[in-house]
Amino acid sequence: MSELMASLAVLAGFVVGALAVMAVRPVTGRQRAVVPIDDLQPGGLPQGVASVLAVLPSSAVVLDREDRVLRASSAARAFGLVRGDRLMAAELLALARQVRRDGEIRESEIEVAGHRFGQEATNFAVRVAPLGPYGQVLVLAEDQTEHHRVEAVRRDFVANVSHELKTPVGALSLLAETIQDAADDPEAVTRFAGRMQHEAARLTYLVQDLITLSRIQGAEPVPTPCPVPVDEAVHDAIDRCNTTAAAKDITLVAGGVEGLQIWGDEELLVTALRNLIDNAVAYSPEHTRVVVSARPAGDSVEISVSDQGIGIPESAQERIFERFFRVDTARSRATGGTGLGLAIVKHVAAAHNGAITVWSKEGSGSTFTLRLPALGGVAVPATPDISTIPLEASK
């Protein structure tokens, strides 16, 4: 809204100066001639106003005394606020008529339905003001849709974080009271202490994921990119997941084309791969395997993580990269996941100007593919290609 006020201030300066000069013509005797609106400027606008409207960032519309559009910015037409010489938003038109009647500036927020099929509604912060003494009205509308979306995401994020933190903190408090009551039972103390360690670890993972997410969110590019050997990142991620996989007797396998490199941040890549592998292990049955493979794909490198797990319903696949979204809440909490792993992967991909995609079928497993720009724009291995995939397995 501050931009709208600044825009109006600029226009007011032009209008006051223009009207002060043009409102009075040479007179005969005591008669003073009033300048007709059409004599002000082509299109009926005071001098200089048309030039200001052309450079305003907001959608701008000038209406005459008959509610016809004298001028409209390209943004106003693109949003569907104006068609031909008519203002299409009924709420805006009503505001303009009120302003014309009493000369009072009015502010409001309105929602305008999309004027194309499938287009979402747009939220506008609007300011309507009189423009000169001839019934002209200026309408400024600033698109607030993205601001509203970000604010909604922020509210949801704060609510989700509060809920996720409350669960382990509450569990720790309850377990501490239980241990205090069971001080004379060493076996119970040992059991509950183990549960406390589990909840403390869960809390630690959640805080770490929140810190990581806050560092990389916003789709900003990697600040100091450098060459990253994909093989090393894959092996590092596998090493970090070995203990969890071994507990379920799941084999982690590295393969694909060796010697590929990307341009980015190695630690972020390892973090993304570790989250994908952890996710695969968490949702895979015992005695299965998870395969991590890399291959060139034009000017990019594709790194895939495939499992033999339970799969993801098709209806949920579009939402799995949202923060705290869980397909099966009860199962997710049992695995100790924070609900942030795939959101972190999405932001890591965005920070590298890449993308993350998923293929999944219930009962047949899932494959997550991270596609990142190759070093130098060409995915050429630093070592000769290997047509047969050498596998390195670990448990």
Protein backbone atom coordinates (compact mmCIF):
# COMPACT_ATOMS: atom_id res chain seq x y z
CA MET A 1 0.00 0.00 0.00
CA SER A 2 2.96 2.32 0.58
CA GLU A 3 3.78 2.15 -3.14
CA LEU A 4 0.24 3.21 -3.97
CA MET A 5 0.51 6.23 -1.67
CA ALA A 6 3.83 7.24 -3.21
CA SER A 7 2.36 6.90 -6.70
CA LEU A 8 -0.58 9.08 -5.76
CA ALA A 9 1.73 11.70 -4.29
CA VAL A 10 3.64 11.91 -7.57
CA LEU A 11 0.45 12.17 -9.59
CA ALA A 12 -0.95 14.79 -7.25
CA GLY A 13 2.09 16.97 -7.84
CA PHE A 14 1.61 16.78 -11.60
CA VAL A 15 -2.10 17.39 -11.45
CA VAL A 16 -1.94 20.35 -9.08
CA GLY A 17 0.70 22.04 -11.21
CA ALA A 18 -1.15 21.35 -14.43
CA LEU A 19 -4.50 22.50 -13.17
CA ALA A 20 -3.06 25.65 -11.61
CA VAL A 21 -1.77 26.71 -15.02
CA MET A 22 -4.69 25.59 -17.15
CA ALA A 23 -7.71 26.18 -15.00
CA VAL A 24 -7.87 29.89 -15.98
CA ARG A 25 -7.71 31.36 -19.52
CA PRO A 26 -7.51 35.01 -20.52
CA VAL A 27 -10.81 36.63 -19.59
CA THR A 28 -12.90 39.42 -21.02
CA GLY A 29 -14.23 41.80 -18.41
CA ARG A 30 -15.12 39.93 -15.24
CA GLN A 31 -15.96 36.60 -16.88
CA ARG A 32 -13.61 33.67 -16.18
CA ALA A 33 -13.60 30.78 -18.67
CA VAL A 34 -13.32 27.19 -17.37
CA VAL A 35 -11.30 24.84 -19.55
CA PRO A 36 -13.37 21.94 -20.91
CA ILE A 37 -11.96 18.51 -20.06
CA ASP A 38 -11.27 17.65 -23.69
CA ASP A 39 -9.01 20.72 -23.98
CA LEU A 40 -6.68 19.58 -21.22
CA GLN A 41 -4.79 16.90 -23.16
CA PRO A 42 -5.55 14.34 -25.86
CA GLY A 43 -7.70 11.75 -24.12
CA GLY A 44 -8.88 14.23 -21.50
CA LEU A 45 -5.89 13.96 -19.15
CA PRO A 46 -4.06 16.83 -17.44
CA GLN A 47 -0.61 17.51 -18.83
CA GLY A 48 2.05 15.12 -17.54
CA VAL A 49 -0.36 12.57 -16.03
CA ALA A 50 -0.22 10.22 -19.02
CA SER A 51 3.58 10.10 -18.76
CA VAL A 52 3.43 9.23 -15.07
CA LEU A 53 0.83 6.51 -15.62
CA ALA A 54 3.07 4.89 -18.21
CA VAL A 55 5.84 4.23 -15.68
CA LEU A 56 3.81 3.29 -12.60
CA PRO A 57 4.49 -0.28 -11.36
CA SER A 58 0.87 -0.65 -10.19
CA SER A 59 -2.17 -1.19 -12.37
CA ALA A 60 -3.47 2.31 -13.10
CA VAL A 61 -6.80 3.38 -14.56
CA VAL A 62 -8.24 6.87 -15.13
CA LEU A 63 -12.03 7.14 -15.46
CA ASP A 64 -13.96 10.11 -16.82
CA ARG A 65 -17.23 11.49 -15.45
CA GLU A 66 -19.16 8.83 -17.44
CA ASP A 67 -17.10 5.94 -15.98
CA ARG A 68 -15.36 5.47 -19.31
CA VAL A 69 -11.70 4.51 -19.21
CA LEU A 70 -9.53 7.40 -20.42
CA ARG A 71 -6.23 5.64 -19.79
CA ALA A 72 -5.27 2.20 -18.48
CA SER A 73 -1.84 0.73 -17.94
CA SER A 74 -0.89 -2.51 -19.65
CA ALA A 75 -0.90 -4.23 -16.25
CA ALA A 76 -4.54 -3.23 -15.68
CA ARG A 77 -5.53 -4.79 -18.99
CA ALA A 78 -3.40 -7.90 -18.42
CA PHE A 79 -5.14 -8.55 -15.10
CA GLY A 80 -8.55 -8.14 -16.74
CA LEU A 81 -9.46 -5.00 -14.79
CA VAL A 82 -10.16 -3.14 -18.04
CA ARG A 83 -11.71 -4.26 -21.31
CA GLY A 84 -12.07 -1.74 -24.07
CA ASP A 85 -13.14 1.49 -22.35
CA ARG A 86 -14.85 -0.18 -19.38
CA LEU A 87 -13.70 -1.02 -15.86
CA MET A 88 -14.71 -4.63 -15.31
CA ALA A 89 -14.43 -4.90 -11.51
CA ALA A 90 -17.81 -3.89 -10.11
CA GLU A 91 -16.40 -3.23 -6.64
CA LEU A 92 -13.81 -0.84 -8.08
CA LEU A 93 -16.45 0.93 -10.11
CA ALA A 94 -18.57 1.44 -6.99
CA LEU A 95 -15.58 2.91 -5.14
CA ALA A 96 -14.86 5.26 -8.05
CA ARG A 97 -18.43 6.58 -8.00
CA GLN A 98 -18.28 7.21 -4.25
CA VAL A 99 -15.00 9.09 -4.66
CA ARG A 100 -16.47 11.20 -7.47
CA ARG A 101 -19.46 12.11 -5.29
CA ASP A 102 -17.66 13.24 -2.15
CA GLY A 103 -14.03 13.74 -3.26
CA GLU A 104 -12.71 11.48 -0.47
CA ILE A 105 -9.80 9.12 -1.18
CA ARG A 106 -10.70 5.51 -0.47
CA GLU A 107 -8.63 2.39 0.12
CA SER A 108 -9.71 -1.22 0.03
CA GLU A 109 -8.70 -4.79 -0.80
CA ILE A 110 -10.59 -6.69 -3.45
CA GLU A 111 -10.43 -10.04 -5.16
CA VAL A 112 -10.87 -10.21 -8.92
CA ALA A 113 -11.76 -13.48 -10.59
CA GLY A 114 -9.42 -14.72 -13.32
CA HIS A 115 -10.56 -13.57 -16.74
CA ARG A 116 -9.10 -16.61 -18.48
CA PHE A 117 -10.18 -20.24 -18.07
CA GLY A 118 -8.31 -21.88 -15.23
CA GLN A 119 -6.75 -18.63 -14.03
CA GLU A 120 -6.81 -18.10 -10.28
CA ALA A 121 -8.34 -15.04 -8.64
CA THR A 122 -6.06 -12.06 -7.99
CA ASN A 123 -5.98 -10.05 -4.75
CA PHE A 124 -5.48 -6.30 -5.09
CA ALA A 125 -4.78 -3.49 -2.65
CA VAL A 126 -6.57 -0.53 -4.25
CA ARG A 127 -6.57 3.21 -3.72
CA VAL A 128 -9.08 5.43 -5.52
CA ALA A 129 -8.69 9.23 -5.63
CA PRO A 130 -10.25 12.20 -7.45
CA LEU A 131 -8.14 13.56 -10.29
CA GLY A 132 -8.97 17.18 -11.06
CA PRO A 133 -12.26 19.11 -11.01
CA TYR A 134 -13.95 17.44 -13.98
CA GLY A 135 -15.13 14.19 -12.46
CA GLN A 136 -12.04 12.19 -13.35
CA VAL A 137 -11.03 9.44 -10.95
CA LEU A 138 -7.70 7.65 -10.60
CA VAL A 139 -7.67 3.97 -9.63
CA LEU A 140 -4.40 2.34 -8.52
CA ALA A 141 -4.37 -1.42 -7.87
CA GLU A 142 -1.39 -3.36 -6.61
CA ASP A 143 -1.26 -7.15 -6.96
CA GLN A 144 -1.11 -8.68 -3.47
CA THR A 145 -1.66 -12.31 -4.46
CA GLU A 146 1.91 -13.42 -3.85
CA HIS A 147 2.05 -11.51 -0.58
CA HIS A 148 -1.12 -13.26 0.61
CA ARG A 149 0.25 -16.64 -0.46
CA VAL A 150 3.54 -16.09 1.37
CA GLU A 151 1.69 -14.92 4.46
CA ALA A 152 -0.51 -18.03 4.39
CA VAL A 153 2.57 -20.24 4.02
CA ARG A 154 4.21 -18.43 6.93
CA ARG A 155 1.18 -18.93 9.17
CA ASP A 156 0.97 -22.61 8.26
CA PHE A 157 4.69 -23.04 8.79
CA VAL A 158 4.61 -21.46 12.26
CA ALA A 159 1.59 -23.57 13.22
CA ASN A 160 3.23 -26.75 11.97
CA VAL A 161 6.54 -26.01 13.68
CA SER A 162 4.73 -25.32 16.95
CA HIS A 163 2.87 -28.60 16.66
CA GLU A 164 5.96 -30.62 15.70
CA LEU A 165 8.03 -29.15 18.54
CA LYS A 166 5.26 -29.64 21.06
CA THR A 167 5.14 -33.40 20.48
CA PRO A 168 8.73 -34.36 21.45
CA VAL A 169 8.92 -31.68 24.16
CA GLY A 170 5.70 -32.95 25.72
CA ALA A 171 6.93 -36.54 25.48
CA LEU A 172 10.22 -35.65 27.20
CA SER A 173 8.36 -33.91 30.02
CA LEU A 174 6.06 -36.88 30.52
CA LEU A 175 8.91 -39.40 30.41
CA ALA A 176 10.91 -37.37 32.94
CA GLU A 177 7.95 -37.44 35.35
CA THR A 178 7.55 -41.17 34.77
CA ILE A 179 11.22 -41.84 35.53
CA GLN A 180 10.94 -39.81 38.71
CA ASP A 181 7.96 -41.91 39.82
CA ALA A 182 9.75 -45.16 38.87
CA ALA A 183 13.03 -44.34 40.61
CA ASP A 184 12.91 -47.64 42.53
CA ASP A 185 12.49 -49.73 39.33
CA PRO A 186 15.83 -49.85 37.45
CA GLU A 187 14.30 -51.74 34.52
CA ALA A 188 11.59 -49.10 34.03
CA VAL A 189 14.14 -46.30 34.35
CA THR A 190 16.30 -47.87 31.64
CA ARG A 191 13.30 -48.32 29.34
CA PHE A 192 12.01 -44.79 29.77
CA ALA A 193 15.51 -43.33 29.46
CA GLY A 194 15.77 -45.02 26.08
CA ARG A 195 12.51 -43.41 25.05
CA MET A 196 13.83 -40.04 26.20
CA GLN A 197 16.91 -40.48 24.05
CA HIS A 198 14.67 -41.28 21.08
CA GLU A 199 12.54 -38.15 21.60
CA ALA A 200 15.63 -36.00 22.17
CA ALA A 201 17.13 -37.27 18.91
CA ARG A 202 13.88 -36.53 17.10
CA LEU A 203 13.90 -33.00 18.50
CA THR A 204 17.52 -32.55 17.41
CA TYR A 205 16.74 -33.72 13.85
CA LEU A 206 13.78 -31.35 13.66
CA VAL A 207 15.84 -28.35 14.76
CA GLN A 208 18.65 -29.27 12.34
CA ASP A 209 16.20 -29.60 9.45
CA LEU A 210 14.60 -26.26 10.31
CA ILE A 211 18.03 -24.59 10.31
CA THR A 212 18.90 -26.20 6.97
CA LEU A 213 15.56 -25.21 5.45
CA SER A 214 15.84 -21.60 6.63
CA ARG A 215 19.32 -21.41 5.08
CA ILE A 216 18.35 -22.60 1.62
CA GLN A 217 14.71 -21.62 1.16
CA GLY A 218 13.68 -18.86 -1.21
CA ALA A 219 15.05 -20.47 -4.39
CA GLU A 220 18.15 -18.29 -4.17
CA PRO A 221 21.17 -19.58 -6.10
CA VAL A 222 24.10 -21.17 -4.33
CA PRO A 223 26.25 -18.25 -3.11
CA THR A 224 29.68 -19.81 -3.78
CA PRO A 225 29.30 -22.69 -6.26
CA CYS A 226 32.21 -24.94 -7.16
CA PRO A 227 32.78 -28.24 -9.02
CA VAL A 228 31.16 -31.13 -7.14
CA PRO A 229 32.09 -34.77 -7.96
CA VAL A 230 28.80 -36.64 -7.92
CA ASP A 231 30.46 -39.97 -6.96
CA GLU A 232 31.89 -38.49 -3.77
CA ALA A 233 28.58 -36.90 -2.80
CA VAL A 234 26.72 -40.19 -3.34
CA HIS A 235 29.21 -42.22 -1.28
CA ASP A 236 29.20 -39.62 1.50
CA ALA A 237 25.39 -39.67 1.67
CA ILE A 238 25.35 -43.48 1.75
CA ASP A 239 27.93 -43.54 4.56
CA ARG A 240 25.72 -41.26 6.64
CA CYS A 241 22.71 -43.55 6.15
CA ASN A 242 24.47 -46.91 6.70
CA THR A 243 23.55 -47.28 10.36
CA THR A 244 19.83 -46.69 9.77
CA ALA A 245 19.79 -49.04 6.78
CA ALA A 246 21.70 -51.79 8.62
CA ALA A 247 19.12 -51.76 11.41
CA LYS A 248 16.51 -52.92 8.84
CA ASP A 249 18.94 -55.11 6.88
CA ILE A 250 18.50 -52.85 3.85
CA THR A 251 21.34 -52.80 1.32
CA LEU A 252 22.43 -49.43 -0.02
CA VAL A 253 23.78 -49.63 -3.58
CA ALA A 254 25.71 -46.97 -5.52
CA GLY A 255 25.92 -47.22 -9.30
CA GLY A 256 25.47 -45.53 -12.64
CA VAL A 257 27.97 -43.55 -14.69
CA GLU A 258 31.09 -42.56 -12.82
CA GLY A 259 33.05 -39.32 -12.99
CA LEU A 260 30.11 -36.92 -13.41
CA GLN A 261 30.33 -33.44 -11.91
CA ILE A 262 27.88 -30.66 -11.19
CA TRP A 263 28.36 -26.96 -10.42
CA GLY A 264 27.09 -26.21 -6.95
CA ASP A 265 27.50 -26.89 -3.23
CA GLU A 266 28.71 -30.35 -2.18
CA GLU A 267 27.32 -30.20 1.37
CA LEU A 268 23.85 -29.23 0.07
CA LEU A 269 23.95 -32.06 -2.47
CA VAL A 270 24.93 -34.56 0.23
CA THR A 271 22.12 -33.24 2.44
CA ALA A 272 19.55 -33.70 -0.34
CA LEU A 273 20.75 -37.22 -1.16
CA ARG A 274 20.86 -38.19 2.53
CA ASN A 275 17.25 -37.07 2.92
CA LEU A 276 16.18 -39.06 -0.14
CA ILE A 277 18.01 -42.17 1.09
CA ASP A 278 16.67 -41.82 4.64
CA ASN A 279 13.17 -41.46 3.20
CA ALA A 280 13.64 -44.58 1.06
CA VAL A 281 14.92 -46.61 4.02
CA ALA A 282 12.11 -45.44 6.30
CA TYR A 283 9.39 -46.57 3.89
CA SER A 284 10.99 -49.82 2.70
CA PRO A 285 10.45 -53.24 4.25
CA GLU A 286 13.35 -55.19 5.73
CA HIS A 287 15.75 -57.20 3.56
CA THR A 288 15.30 -54.97 0.50
CA ARG A 289 17.70 -52.56 -1.18
CA VAL A 290 17.93 -48.89 -2.11
CA VAL A 291 19.82 -47.96 -5.29
CA VAL A 292 21.45 -44.56 -5.87
CA SER A 293 22.57 -44.03 -9.46
CA ALA A 294 23.77 -41.13 -11.60
CA ARG A 295 23.66 -40.62 -15.35
CA PRO A 296 24.22 -37.78 -17.84
CA ALA A 297 21.12 -36.14 -19.31
CA GLY A 298 22.00 -33.51 -21.90
CA ASP A 299 23.36 -30.49 -20.06
CA SER A 300 22.35 -31.95 -16.70
CA VAL A 301 23.14 -34.80 -14.36
CA GLU A 302 20.33 -36.99 -13.02
CA ILE A 303 20.78 -38.70 -9.65
CA SER A 304 18.07 -41.21 -8.83
CA VAL A 305 17.21 -42.90 -5.54
CA SER A 306 15.05 -46.00 -6.01
CA ASP A 307 13.52 -48.21 -3.35
CA GLN A 308 11.32 -51.30 -3.09
CA GLY A 309 9.04 -49.72 -0.54
CA ILE A 310 5.32 -49.18 -0.05
CA GLY A 311 5.03 -46.50 -2.73
CA ILE A 312 3.10 -43.23 -2.71
CA PRO A 313 -0.57 -42.83 -3.70
CA GLU A 314 -0.95 -40.82 -6.90
CA SER A 315 -3.24 -38.36 -5.14
CA ALA A 316 -0.43 -37.45 -2.71
CA GLN A 317 2.48 -37.21 -5.12
CA GLU A 318 1.95 -33.52 -5.88
CA ARG A 319 2.09 -32.60 -2.19
CA ILE A 320 4.94 -34.69 -0.82
CA PHE A 321 7.45 -31.85 -1.22
CA GLU A 322 5.41 -29.55 1.05
CA ARG A 323 6.75 -28.86 4.51
CA PHE A 324 5.40 -31.27 7.14
CA PHE A 325 3.16 -33.07 4.65
CA ARG A 326 2.86 -36.75 5.47
CA VAL A 327 1.07 -39.40 3.43
CA ASP A 328 0.58 -41.58 6.51
CA THR A 329 0.91 -39.49 9.67
CA ALA A 330 0.98 -42.43 12.10
CA ARG A 331 3.63 -44.29 10.10
CA SER A 332 5.72 -41.14 9.62
CA ARG A 333 5.83 -40.43 13.33
CA ALA A 334 6.79 -44.03 13.99
CA THR A 335 9.79 -43.71 11.65
CA GLY A 336 10.95 -40.57 13.47
CA GLY A 337 10.82 -38.36 10.38
CA THR A 338 10.46 -34.59 10.71
CA GLY A 339 8.32 -34.06 7.61
CA LEU A 340 10.90 -31.63 6.23
CA GLY A 341 13.24 -33.94 4.32
CA LEU A 342 11.60 -33.70 0.89
CA ALA A 343 10.98 -29.96 1.30
CA ILE A 344 14.72 -29.56 1.85
CA VAL A 345 15.43 -31.59 -1.29
CA LYS A 346 13.11 -29.34 -3.32
CA HIS A 347 14.88 -26.20 -2.10
CA VAL A 348 18.33 -27.68 -2.73
CA ALA A 349 17.26 -28.42 -6.31
CA ALA A 350 15.93 -24.86 -6.70
CA ALA A 351 19.16 -23.39 -5.29
CA HIS A 352 21.06 -25.26 -8.04
CA ASN A 353 18.58 -24.24 -10.78
CA GLY A 354 17.56 -27.88 -10.94
CA ALA A 355 14.43 -29.92 -10.24
CA ILE A 356 13.22 -32.95 -8.31
CA THR A 357 10.67 -35.41 -9.70
CA VAL A 358 9.10 -38.59 -8.41
CA TRP A 359 7.77 -41.81 -9.90
CA SER A 360 5.89 -44.09 -7.58
CA LYS A 361 3.38 -46.89 -7.56
CA GLU A 362 1.75 -48.28 -4.46
CA GLY A 363 3.27 -51.63 -3.56
CA SER A 364 6.06 -51.26 -6.16
CA GLY A 365 8.35 -48.66 -4.62
CA SER A 366 9.40 -45.15 -5.58
CA THR A 367 12.12 -43.39 -7.58
CA PHE A 368 13.11 -39.81 -6.80
CA THR A 369 15.22 -38.12 -9.48
CA LEU A 370 17.31 -35.04 -8.75
CA ARG A 371 18.23 -33.22 -11.97
CA LEU A 372 21.04 -30.65 -11.63
CA PRO A 373 23.05 -28.59 -14.16
CA ALA A 374 26.29 -30.32 -15.17
CA LEU A 375 29.66 -28.65 -14.73
CA GLY A 376 30.37 -26.54 -17.83
CA GLY A 377 26.89 -27.21 -19.19
CA VAL A 378 27.83 -30.66 -20.55
CA ALA A 379 27.41 -33.89 -18.59
CA VAL A 380 30.71 -35.49 -19.60
CA PRO A 381 32.27 -37.98 -17.16
CA ALA A 382 35.73 -37.16 -15.87
CA THR A 383 36.53 -40.85 -16.38
CA PRO A 384 35.42 -43.15 -19.22
CA ASP A 385 31.74 -44.11 -19.21
CA ILE A 386 30.92 -47.51 -17.78
CA SER A 387 28.31 -49.31 -19.78
CA THR A 388 27.78 -51.95 -17.14
CA ILE A 389 26.93 -50.41 -13.81
CA PRO A 390 29.45 -51.30 -11.09
CA LEU A 391 27.65 -51.67 -7.80
CA GLU A 392 29.08 -50.90 -4.41
CA ALA A 393 26.92 -52.43 -1.73
CA SER A 394 26.94 -51.86 1.98
CA LYS A 395 24.73 -52.68 4.88
